Amino acid sequence: MFGETINWAIIAPLLVVQIILTLIALIDWIKQENTRGPKMLWLFIILFISMLGPVLYFVLGKKE
């Protein structure tokens, strides 16, 4: 268990996708005047709920 190596071929693309999603969500969050709910709450959701946070922001948080 402790001697196993990490399979970076699987993990690296997921990390890249997570970073890109988070950056896009943060840029959009900065540009948005209004969000559904408190804007600062969405910042914490984007940053601290891993890959699901940015998705939640785009689906539930953005006002159109």
Protein backbone atom coordinates (compact mmCIF):
# COMPACT_ATOMS: atom_id res chain seq x y z
CA MET A 1 0.00 0.00 0.00
CA PHE A 2 2.68 2.54 0.96
CA GLY A 3 5.13 1.36 -1.70
CA GLU A 4 2.75 2.02 -4.59
CA THR A 5 3.56 4.81 -7.00
CA ILE A 6 1.06 7.40 -8.13
CA ASN A 7 -0.27 6.95 -11.65
CA TRP A 8 0.29 10.48 -12.95
CA ALA A 9 -1.12 9.58 -16.37
CA ILE A 10 -4.57 9.56 -14.77
CA ILE A 11 -4.15 12.25 -12.11
CA ALA A 12 -2.37 14.95 -14.16
CA PRO A 13 -5.20 15.52 -16.69
CA LEU A 14 -7.74 15.75 -13.85
CA LEU A 15 -5.60 18.35 -12.08
CA VAL A 16 -5.26 20.37 -15.28
CA VAL A 17 -9.03 20.26 -15.88
CA GLN A 18 -9.68 21.30 -12.28
CA ILE A 19 -7.26 24.24 -12.49
CA ILE A 20 -8.69 25.44 -15.81
CA LEU A 21 -12.29 25.12 -14.57
CA THR A 22 -11.45 27.01 -11.39
CA LEU A 23 -9.68 29.81 -13.26
CA ILE A 24 -12.55 30.23 -15.73
CA ALA A 25 -15.07 30.29 -12.89
CA LEU A 26 -13.02 32.86 -10.96
CA ILE A 27 -12.67 35.13 -13.99
CA ASP A 28 -16.41 34.92 -14.62
CA TRP A 29 -17.14 35.49 -10.91
CA ILE A 30 -15.06 38.69 -10.97
CA LYS A 31 -16.93 39.97 -14.05
CA GLN A 32 -20.42 39.18 -12.70
CA GLU A 33 -22.32 42.04 -11.08
CA ASN A 34 -24.99 39.82 -9.51
CA THR A 35 -25.12 36.17 -8.56
CA ARG A 36 -27.84 34.00 -7.11
CA GLY A 37 -27.06 34.34 -3.44
CA PRO A 38 -24.16 36.17 -1.81
CA LYS A 39 -21.27 36.72 -4.20
CA MET A 40 -18.64 35.96 -1.53
CA LEU A 41 -20.29 32.60 -0.81
CA TRP A 42 -19.79 31.63 -4.45
CA LEU A 43 -16.12 32.51 -4.19
CA PHE A 44 -15.70 30.02 -1.34
CA ILE A 45 -17.72 27.38 -3.21
CA ILE A 46 -15.56 27.82 -6.33
CA LEU A 47 -12.31 27.62 -4.38
CA PHE A 48 -13.01 24.99 -1.74
CA ILE A 49 -15.36 22.44 -3.29
CA SER A 50 -12.78 21.10 -5.71
CA MET A 51 -14.05 20.24 -9.19
CA LEU A 52 -17.71 20.44 -8.24
CA GLY A 53 -17.55 24.07 -7.02
CA PRO A 54 -16.97 25.71 -10.42
CA VAL A 55 -19.64 23.49 -12.00
CA LEU A 56 -22.13 24.48 -9.30
CA TYR A 57 -21.31 28.13 -9.88
CA PHE A 58 -22.00 27.91 -13.61
CA VAL A 59 -25.19 25.87 -13.16
CA LEU A 60 -26.71 27.53 -10.08
CA GLY A 61 -24.83 30.70 -9.23
CA LYS A 62 -24.76 32.76 -12.40
CA LYS A 63 -27.58 35.17 -13.08
CA GLU A 64 -28.26 35.67 -16.75
